[in-house]
Structure formats: C-alpha cells, structure tokens
Amino acid sequence: MLHGLSELFNEYNVLAAFWMTIKLTVVAAIGALLIGTIIAIMRVSPVAVFRSFGAAYVTLIRNTPLTLIVFFCAFGFYITLQYRIGAQNSPIDVQNFRWGVLGLTIYHAAFVAEALRSGINSVPKGQVEAARAIGLGFGATLLRWATY
C-alpha cells in the first residue's frame, strides 16, 4: 500500500494538482456568487424580459452537464475558435485555467441564483407589501432585504 502511494507521488505532482483545484474553486466560487446574484435579481425582477432571461439561463445551464460546459469552453472556444481570455501571448496553461474558471463559474452561477432566489421568495408577501407601502422601489426593497 505505501509503495503504491509513494509511486503515485513520485510519478505525478499531486500537491500541485491539489493546489490547482483550490485555486479553481476559490476563483470560480467568487465569480459564481457575482453572476448568480445578478441572475437571481433578474429572476425576481418586475421586468418580464429580465425574468425570462434569468429563467432561461437557469433552466439551460442547470440541465447541461458540467463536463459539457467545461469541454465546450476549453475545446470549443479556446482551441477551435482561438478565443483567448486576457493577454494574447499568455501560456497555454494560463488560458486553460481561465477557461476552466469561466466554465465552472457559468455552471455554478445557476445554482447560486436559485439558492438566492429561494431566499428572496421566502420573505413573506406582507413584508414586501410593507416595503412598497413606505415608498421603497424594487431595488431599494432588495437592498434593504440583503442588509438584514
């Protein structure tokens, strides 16, 4: 057992792979929180176009496998279409990291949006009506909701 483990650590750089996983997780989580918040606000917006776009985004992305999204980012955009994120002369591994972060961010933003939307929708209707009664608009109601 120990021989196999030492062989694994000698043949592969496991610690570097673990560190890459941590970096991907942190950066993609921050991006997913930002995009997911915007999509959640769109989902509860009084504007029908925003609601429709938010619902379409969540439905489409949540029903698409993560492997397909990351594959499409890496091979579709980066390798086939030659789109680059950031500097044009950056190394391949930096571009792969950026496209991986983008794929993870896009995928997880849909789940973050649904979690935030469910929290927003859990506010009782009377509370929302009270906010409207004192003159708060949609944005101010969301802002006050988020600060408590």
N, C-alpha and C. Protein backbone atom coordinates (compact mmCIF):
# COMPACT_ATOMS: atom_id res chain seq x y z
N MET A 1 0.83 -1.20 0.00
CA MET A 1 0.00 0.00 0.00
C MET A 1 0.87 1.25 0.00
N LEU A 2 1.84 1.33 0.89
CA LEU A 2 2.71 2.50 0.95
C LEU A 2 3.57 2.63 -0.30
N HIS A 3 3.94 1.48 -0.87
CA HIS A 3 4.74 1.52 -2.08
C HIS A 3 3.95 2.16 -3.22
N GLY A 4 2.68 1.82 -3.35
CA GLY A 4 1.83 2.40 -4.40
C GLY A 4 1.63 3.89 -4.21
N LEU A 5 1.51 4.31 -2.94
CA LEU A 5 1.31 5.73 -2.65
C LEU A 5 2.57 6.53 -2.96
N SER A 6 3.72 6.00 -2.59
CA SER A 6 4.97 6.71 -2.89
C SER A 6 5.21 6.75 -4.39
N GLU A 7 4.82 5.70 -5.09
CA GLU A 7 4.97 5.68 -6.55
C GLU A 7 4.08 6.75 -7.19
N LEU A 8 2.89 6.90 -6.64
CA LEU A 8 1.96 7.94 -7.12
C LEU A 8 2.55 9.33 -6.95
N PHE A 9 3.11 9.60 -5.77
CA PHE A 9 3.69 10.92 -5.51
C PHE A 9 4.95 11.15 -6.33
N ASN A 10 5.71 10.09 -6.65
CA ASN A 10 6.91 10.24 -7.47
C ASN A 10 6.57 10.46 -8.94
N GLU A 11 5.53 9.79 -9.42
CA GLU A 11 5.19 9.87 -10.83
C GLU A 11 4.40 11.14 -11.18
N TYR A 12 3.52 11.58 -10.27
CA TYR A 12 2.68 12.74 -10.52
C TYR A 12 2.91 13.80 -9.46
N ASN A 13 2.69 15.04 -9.84
CA ASN A 13 2.81 16.14 -8.89
C ASN A 13 1.45 16.36 -8.24
N VAL A 14 1.14 15.53 -7.27
CA VAL A 14 -0.18 15.53 -6.65
C VAL A 14 -0.44 16.83 -5.89
N LEU A 15 0.57 17.35 -5.23
CA LEU A 15 0.38 18.58 -4.47
C LEU A 15 0.09 19.78 -5.38
N ALA A 16 0.74 19.83 -6.53
CA ALA A 16 0.45 20.91 -7.48
C ALA A 16 -0.98 20.77 -8.03
N ALA A 17 -1.42 19.54 -8.27
CA ALA A 17 -2.79 19.32 -8.74
C ALA A 17 -3.79 19.72 -7.66
N PHE A 18 -3.49 19.42 -6.41
CA PHE A 18 -4.37 19.82 -5.31
C PHE A 18 -4.43 21.34 -5.20
N TRP A 19 -3.29 22.00 -5.33
CA TRP A 19 -3.25 23.46 -5.26
C TRP A 19 -4.04 24.08 -6.42
N MET A 20 -3.97 23.47 -7.61
CA MET A 20 -4.73 23.96 -8.76
C MET A 20 -6.23 23.83 -8.49
N THR A 21 -6.63 22.74 -7.85
CA THR A 21 -8.03 22.55 -7.51
C THR A 21 -8.51 23.62 -6.54
N ILE A 22 -7.69 23.96 -5.57
CA ILE A 22 -8.04 25.01 -4.61
C ILE A 22 -8.18 26.36 -5.33
N LYS A 23 -7.25 26.68 -6.22
CA LYS A 23 -7.33 27.95 -6.95
C LYS A 23 -8.57 28.01 -7.83
N LEU A 24 -8.86 26.91 -8.55
CA LEU A 24 -10.06 26.88 -9.38
C LEU A 24 -11.31 27.07 -8.55
N THR A 25 -11.35 26.42 -7.39
CA THR A 25 -12.53 26.51 -6.53
C THR A 25 -12.76 27.92 -6.02
N VAL A 26 -11.72 28.56 -5.54
CA VAL A 26 -11.87 29.90 -4.95
C VAL A 26 -12.27 30.92 -6.01
N VAL A 27 -11.58 30.93 -7.13
CA VAL A 27 -11.86 31.93 -8.16
C VAL A 27 -13.24 31.70 -8.78
N ALA A 28 -13.58 30.44 -9.06
CA ALA A 28 -14.89 30.15 -9.65
C ALA A 28 -16.02 30.42 -8.66
N ALA A 29 -15.79 30.19 -7.38
CA ALA A 29 -16.83 30.47 -6.38
C ALA A 29 -17.12 31.96 -6.29
N ILE A 30 -16.10 32.78 -6.35
CA ILE A 30 -16.31 34.23 -6.32
C ILE A 30 -17.07 34.68 -7.56
N GLY A 31 -16.66 34.18 -8.72
CA GLY A 31 -17.37 34.52 -9.96
C GLY A 31 -18.80 34.03 -9.97
N ALA A 32 -19.03 32.82 -9.47
CA ALA A 32 -20.39 32.26 -9.43
C ALA A 32 -21.28 33.06 -8.49
N LEU A 33 -20.71 33.55 -7.39
CA LEU A 33 -21.50 34.36 -6.47
C LEU A 33 -21.91 35.68 -7.12
N LEU A 34 -21.00 36.30 -7.84
CA LEU A 34 -21.32 37.57 -8.51
C LEU A 34 -22.36 37.38 -9.61
N ILE A 35 -22.11 36.43 -10.51
CA ILE A 35 -23.05 36.21 -11.61
C ILE A 35 -24.36 35.65 -11.09
N GLY A 36 -24.31 34.75 -10.12
CA GLY A 36 -25.51 34.17 -9.55
C GLY A 36 -26.39 35.21 -8.88
N THR A 37 -25.78 36.18 -8.23
CA THR A 37 -26.56 37.25 -7.61
C THR A 37 -27.28 38.08 -8.67
N ILE A 38 -26.60 38.38 -9.75
CA ILE A 38 -27.23 39.14 -10.83
C ILE A 38 -28.37 38.35 -11.45
N ILE A 39 -28.17 37.07 -11.68
CA ILE A 39 -29.21 36.24 -12.27
C ILE A 39 -30.39 36.10 -11.30
N ALA A 40 -30.12 35.98 -10.00
CA ALA A 40 -31.21 35.88 -9.01
C ALA A 40 -32.05 37.15 -9.00
N ILE A 41 -31.39 38.30 -9.08
CA ILE A 41 -32.13 39.57 -9.12
C ILE A 41 -32.97 39.64 -10.40
N MET A 42 -32.42 39.14 -11.49
CA MET A 42 -33.19 39.11 -12.73
C MET A 42 -34.40 38.18 -12.61
N ARG A 43 -34.24 37.07 -11.89
CA ARG A 43 -35.34 36.10 -11.75
C ARG A 43 -36.52 36.67 -10.99
N VAL A 44 -36.29 37.60 -10.06
CA VAL A 44 -37.38 38.17 -9.27
C VAL A 44 -37.73 39.59 -9.72
N SER A 45 -37.14 40.03 -10.81
CA SER A 45 -37.36 41.38 -11.32
C SER A 45 -38.79 41.56 -11.81
N PRO A 46 -39.32 42.78 -11.69
CA PRO A 46 -40.65 43.04 -12.26
C PRO A 46 -40.63 43.17 -13.78
N VAL A 47 -39.46 43.25 -14.38
CA VAL A 47 -39.34 43.38 -15.84
C VAL A 47 -39.39 41.98 -16.46
N ALA A 48 -40.34 41.76 -17.34
CA ALA A 48 -40.58 40.43 -17.91
C ALA A 48 -39.39 39.90 -18.70
N VAL A 49 -38.69 40.77 -19.42
CA VAL A 49 -37.54 40.33 -20.22
C VAL A 49 -36.44 39.80 -19.30
N PHE A 50 -36.17 40.49 -18.20
CA PHE A 50 -35.16 40.03 -17.25
C PHE A 50 -35.56 38.70 -16.63
N ARG A 51 -36.83 38.60 -16.22
CA ARG A 51 -37.32 37.34 -15.63
C ARG A 51 -37.16 36.19 -16.61
N SER A 52 -37.51 36.43 -17.86
CA SER A 52 -37.41 35.38 -18.88
C SER A 52 -35.97 34.98 -19.13
N PHE A 53 -35.08 35.97 -19.21
CA PHE A 53 -33.66 35.65 -19.42
C PHE A 53 -33.10 34.87 -18.25
N GLY A 54 -33.41 35.30 -17.03
CA GLY A 54 -32.93 34.60 -15.84
C GLY A 54 -33.44 33.18 -15.78
N ALA A 55 -34.72 32.98 -16.08
CA ALA A 55 -35.29 31.64 -16.06
C ALA A 55 -34.68 30.76 -17.15
N ALA A 56 -34.47 31.32 -18.32
CA ALA A 56 -33.87 30.56 -19.42
C ALA A 56 -32.43 30.17 -19.09
N TYR A 57 -31.68 31.11 -18.51
CA TYR A 57 -30.29 30.82 -18.12
C TYR A 57 -30.24 29.68 -17.12
N VAL A 58 -31.04 29.79 -16.06
CA VAL A 58 -31.02 28.76 -15.02
C VAL A 58 -31.47 27.41 -15.58
N THR A 59 -32.53 27.40 -16.36
CA THR A 59 -33.03 26.15 -16.92
C THR A 59 -32.02 25.51 -17.86
N LEU A 60 -31.44 26.30 -18.73
CA LEU A 60 -30.48 25.77 -19.70
C LEU A 60 -29.21 25.27 -19.03
N ILE A 61 -28.64 26.08 -18.16
CA ILE A 61 -27.35 25.72 -17.55
C ILE A 61 -27.49 24.59 -16.54
N ARG A 62 -28.54 24.61 -15.73
CA ARG A 62 -28.70 23.54 -14.73
C ARG A 62 -28.96 22.19 -15.37
N ASN A 63 -29.50 22.16 -16.58
CA ASN A 63 -29.79 20.91 -17.26
C ASN A 63 -28.70 20.49 -18.23
N THR A 64 -27.59 21.18 -18.22
CA THR A 64 -26.44 20.83 -19.05
C THR A 64 -25.35 20.27 -18.14
N PRO A 65 -24.77 19.14 -18.49
CA PRO A 65 -23.70 18.58 -17.65
C PRO A 65 -22.48 19.50 -17.58
N LEU A 66 -21.86 19.54 -16.40
CA LEU A 66 -20.68 20.38 -16.20
C LEU A 66 -19.56 19.99 -17.16
N THR A 67 -19.40 18.71 -17.40
CA THR A 67 -18.35 18.25 -18.31
C THR A 67 -18.53 18.86 -19.70
N LEU A 68 -19.76 18.94 -20.15
CA LEU A 68 -20.04 19.50 -21.47
C LEU A 68 -19.71 20.99 -21.51
N ILE A 69 -20.03 21.72 -20.46
CA ILE A 69 -19.75 23.16 -20.42
C ILE A 69 -18.25 23.41 -20.41
N VAL A 70 -17.52 22.70 -19.56
CA VAL A 70 -16.06 22.89 -19.50
C VAL A 70 -15.41 22.44 -20.80
N PHE A 71 -15.88 21.34 -21.37
CA PHE A 71 -15.36 20.86 -22.66
C PHE A 71 -15.60 21.90 -23.74
N PHE A 72 -16.81 22.48 -23.77
CA PHE A 72 -17.13 23.50 -24.77
C PHE A 72 -16.25 24.73 -24.60
N CYS A 73 -15.99 25.13 -23.34
CA CYS A 73 -15.11 26.29 -23.12
C CYS A 73 -13.69 26.00 -23.58
N ALA A 74 -13.15 24.84 -23.18
CA ALA A 74 -11.76 24.52 -23.49
C ALA A 74 -11.55 24.21 -24.97
N PHE A 75 -12.37 23.34 -25.52
CA PHE A 75 -12.14 22.91 -26.89
C PHE A 75 -12.91 23.74 -27.91
N GLY A 76 -14.10 24.17 -27.55
CA GLY A 76 -14.90 24.94 -28.50
C GLY A 76 -14.39 26.35 -28.67
N PHE A 77 -14.31 27.08 -27.57
CA PHE A 77 -13.89 28.48 -27.66
C PHE A 77 -12.38 28.63 -27.79
N TYR A 78 -11.62 27.92 -26.95
CA TYR A 78 -10.18 28.15 -26.89
C TYR A 78 -9.44 27.49 -28.05
N ILE A 79 -9.63 26.21 -28.25
CA ILE A 79 -8.83 25.51 -29.26
C ILE A 79 -9.41 25.69 -30.67
N THR A 80 -10.71 25.49 -30.83
CA THR A 80 -11.29 25.56 -32.17
C THR A 80 -11.45 26.99 -32.67
N LEU A 81 -12.07 27.86 -31.86
CA LEU A 81 -12.33 29.23 -32.30
C LEU A 81 -11.18 30.20 -31.98
N GLN A 82 -10.19 29.74 -31.22
CA GLN A 82 -8.99 30.53 -30.88
C GLN A 82 -9.29 31.80 -30.09
N TYR A 83 -10.38 31.78 -29.28
CA TYR A 83 -10.66 32.90 -28.39
C TYR A 83 -9.73 32.81 -27.19
N ARG A 84 -9.22 33.95 -26.78
CA ARG A 84 -8.34 33.98 -25.61
C ARG A 84 -8.92 34.94 -24.58
N ILE A 85 -8.72 34.60 -23.32
CA ILE A 85 -9.14 35.46 -22.22
C ILE A 85 -7.88 36.11 -21.68
N GLY A 86 -7.86 37.42 -21.65
CA GLY A 86 -6.68 38.11 -21.14
C GLY A 86 -5.66 38.34 -22.23
N ALA A 87 -4.39 38.32 -21.85
CA ALA A 87 -3.29 38.62 -22.77
C ALA A 87 -3.22 37.60 -23.91
N GLN A 88 -2.92 38.08 -25.11
CA GLN A 88 -2.86 37.20 -26.28
C GLN A 88 -1.67 36.26 -26.25
N ASN A 89 -0.60 36.65 -25.58
CA ASN A 89 0.61 35.82 -25.59
C ASN A 89 0.80 35.03 -24.29
N SER A 90 -0.26 34.86 -23.52
CA SER A 90 -0.12 34.11 -22.28
C SER A 90 0.01 32.62 -22.59
N PRO A 91 0.69 31.88 -21.72
CA PRO A 91 0.91 30.45 -21.97
C PRO A 91 -0.39 29.65 -22.00
N ILE A 92 -0.30 28.47 -22.57
CA ILE A 92 -1.48 27.62 -22.72
C ILE A 92 -2.09 27.26 -21.38
N ASP A 93 -1.27 26.96 -20.39
CA ASP A 93 -1.83 26.55 -19.10
C ASP A 93 -2.60 27.69 -18.43
N VAL A 94 -2.19 28.94 -18.63
CA VAL A 94 -2.92 30.07 -18.07
C VAL A 94 -4.27 30.21 -18.76
N GLN A 95 -4.29 30.04 -20.09
CA GLN A 95 -5.55 30.11 -20.83
C GLN A 95 -6.48 28.97 -20.43
N ASN A 96 -5.95 27.78 -20.24
CA ASN A 96 -6.79 26.66 -19.80
C ASN A 96 -7.36 26.91 -18.42
N PHE A 97 -6.57 27.51 -17.55
CA PHE A 97 -7.07 27.85 -16.20
C PHE A 97 -8.21 28.84 -16.31
N ARG A 98 -8.03 29.88 -17.12
CA ARG A 98 -9.07 30.90 -17.27
C ARG A 98 -10.34 30.33 -17.87
N TRP A 99 -10.23 29.50 -18.89
CA TRP A 99 -11.42 28.90 -19.49
C TRP A 99 -12.07 27.92 -18.52
N GLY A 100 -11.27 27.21 -17.73
CA GLY A 100 -11.83 26.32 -16.72
C GLY A 100 -12.61 27.09 -15.67
N VAL A 101 -12.05 28.22 -15.23
CA VAL A 101 -12.75 29.06 -14.27
C VAL A 101 -14.05 29.58 -14.87
N LEU A 102 -14.02 30.00 -16.12
CA LEU A 102 -15.23 30.50 -16.77
C LEU A 102 -16.31 29.42 -16.85
N GLY A 103 -15.93 28.22 -17.23
CA GLY A 103 -16.90 27.13 -17.30
C GLY A 103 -17.49 26.80 -15.95
N LEU A 104 -16.65 26.71 -14.92
CA LEU A 104 -17.15 26.43 -13.57
C LEU A 104 -18.02 27.56 -13.06
N THR A 105 -17.64 28.79 -13.35
CA THR A 105 -18.41 29.95 -12.91
C THR A 105 -19.80 29.96 -13.54
N ILE A 106 -19.85 29.75 -14.85
CA ILE A 106 -21.13 29.76 -15.55
C ILE A 106 -22.05 28.68 -15.01
N TYR A 107 -21.50 27.50 -14.77
CA TYR A 107 -22.32 26.37 -14.30
C TYR A 107 -22.83 26.62 -12.89
N HIS A 108 -21.96 26.98 -11.99
CA HIS A 108 -22.36 27.11 -10.59
C HIS A 108 -23.16 28.38 -10.32
N ALA A 109 -23.08 29.37 -11.20
CA ALA A 109 -23.88 30.59 -11.03
C ALA A 109 -25.37 30.27 -11.09
N ALA A 110 -25.75 29.29 -11.88
CA ALA A 110 -27.17 28.92 -11.96
C ALA A 110 -27.67 28.37 -10.62
N PHE A 111 -26.86 27.58 -9.95
CA PHE A 111 -27.25 27.03 -8.66
C PHE A 111 -27.26 28.10 -7.57
N VAL A 112 -26.29 29.00 -7.62
CA VAL A 112 -26.26 30.11 -6.67
C VAL A 112 -27.50 30.99 -6.87
N ALA A 113 -27.85 31.25 -8.12
CA ALA A 113 -29.03 32.08 -8.42
C ALA A 113 -30.30 31.45 -7.85
N GLU A 114 -30.44 30.16 -7.99
CA GLU A 114 -31.64 29.50 -7.46
C GLU A 114 -31.66 29.52 -5.94
N ALA A 115 -30.52 29.37 -5.31
CA ALA A 115 -30.47 29.44 -3.85
C ALA A 115 -30.83 30.83 -3.36
N LEU A 116 -30.29 31.85 -4.00
CA LEU A 116 -30.62 33.23 -3.61
C LEU A 116 -32.07 33.57 -3.92
N ARG A 117 -32.57 33.12 -5.06
CA ARG A 117 -33.96 33.38 -5.42
C ARG A 117 -34.91 32.75 -4.42
N SER A 118 -34.60 31.54 -3.98
CA SER A 118 -35.47 30.90 -3.00
C SER A 118 -35.45 31.65 -1.68
N GLY A 119 -34.30 32.22 -1.32
CA GLY A 119 -34.23 33.05 -0.12
C GLY A 119 -35.04 34.32 -0.25
N ILE A 120 -34.96 34.94 -1.41
CA ILE A 120 -35.73 36.16 -1.65
C ILE A 120 -37.23 35.85 -1.62
N ASN A 121 -37.60 34.75 -2.24
CA ASN A 121 -39.03 34.38 -2.29
C ASN A 121 -39.56 33.90 -0.94
N SER A 122 -38.68 33.63 0.01
CA SER A 122 -39.15 33.19 1.33
C SER A 122 -39.59 34.37 2.20
N VAL A 123 -39.28 35.59 1.77
CA VAL A 123 -39.74 36.77 2.51
C VAL A 123 -41.26 36.84 2.36
N PRO A 124 -41.98 36.95 3.48
CA PRO A 124 -43.45 36.96 3.40
C PRO A 124 -43.97 38.11 2.52
N LYS A 125 -45.09 37.85 1.87
CA LYS A 125 -45.67 38.83 0.96
C LYS A 125 -46.02 40.13 1.69
N GLY A 126 -46.42 40.01 2.94
CA GLY A 126 -46.74 41.20 3.73
C GLY A 126 -45.54 42.11 3.94
N GLN A 127 -44.36 41.52 4.07
CA GLN A 127 -43.14 42.32 4.24
C GLN A 127 -42.84 43.10 2.96
N VAL A 128 -43.02 42.45 1.83
CA VAL A 128 -42.77 43.11 0.55
C VAL A 128 -43.78 44.24 0.35
N GLU A 129 -45.04 43.96 0.68
CA GLU A 129 -46.07 44.99 0.54
C GLU A 129 -45.82 46.16 1.49
N ALA A 130 -45.30 45.87 2.68
CA ALA A 130 -44.98 46.94 3.62
C ALA A 130 -43.85 47.81 3.08
N ALA A 131 -42.86 47.18 2.46
CA ALA A 131 -41.76 47.94 1.87
C ALA A 131 -42.27 48.83 0.75
N ARG A 132 -43.17 48.31 -0.07
CA ARG A 132 -43.74 49.11 -1.15
C ARG A 132 -44.62 50.23 -0.59
N ALA A 133 -45.31 49.96 0.52
CA ALA A 133 -46.21 50.96 1.11
C ALA A 133 -45.44 52.16 1.64
N ILE A 134 -44.21 51.96 2.12
CA ILE A 134 -43.44 53.09 2.62
C ILE A 134 -42.62 53.76 1.52
N GLY A 135 -42.86 53.33 0.27
CA GLY A 135 -42.25 54.02 -0.85
C GLY A 135 -40.98 53.42 -1.39
N LEU A 136 -40.61 52.23 -0.96
CA LEU A 136 -39.40 51.61 -1.49
C LEU A 136 -39.70 50.95 -2.83
N GLY A 137 -38.84 51.15 -3.79
CA GLY A 137 -38.98 50.51 -5.09
C GLY A 137 -38.37 49.12 -5.05
N PHE A 138 -38.28 48.50 -6.23
CA PHE A 138 -37.74 47.14 -6.31
C PHE A 138 -36.30 47.08 -5.82
N GLY A 139 -35.45 47.98 -6.31
CA GLY A 139 -34.04 47.98 -5.93
C GLY A 139 -33.84 48.25 -4.45
N ALA A 140 -34.55 49.22 -3.92
CA ALA A 140 -34.42 49.56 -2.50
C ALA A 140 -34.95 48.42 -1.62
N THR A 141 -35.99 47.75 -2.07
CA THR A 141 -36.52 46.61 -1.32
C THR A 141 -35.49 45.49 -1.27
N LEU A 142 -34.85 45.21 -2.40
CA LEU A 142 -33.81 44.18 -2.42
C LEU A 142 -32.62 44.59 -1.56
N LEU A 143 -32.24 45.84 -1.61
CA LEU A 143 -31.11 46.32 -0.84
C LEU A 143 -31.39 46.21 0.65
N ARG A 144 -32.57 46.61 1.08
CA ARG A 144 -32.93 46.51 2.50
C ARG A 144 -33.03 45.07 2.94
N TRP A 145 -33.55 44.20 2.04
CA TRP A 145 -33.66 42.80 2.36
C TRP A 145 -32.28 42.19 2.58
N ALA A 146 -31.32 42.59 1.74
CA ALA A 146 -29.99 42.00 1.80
C ALA A 146 -29.20 42.47 3.02
N THR A 147 -29.54 43.62 3.61
CA THR A 147 -28.76 44.12 4.73
C THR A 147 -29.22 43.58 6.07
N TYR A 148 -30.36 42.90 6.11
CA TYR A 148 -30.84 42.36 7.39
C TYR A 148 -30.60 40.88 7.48
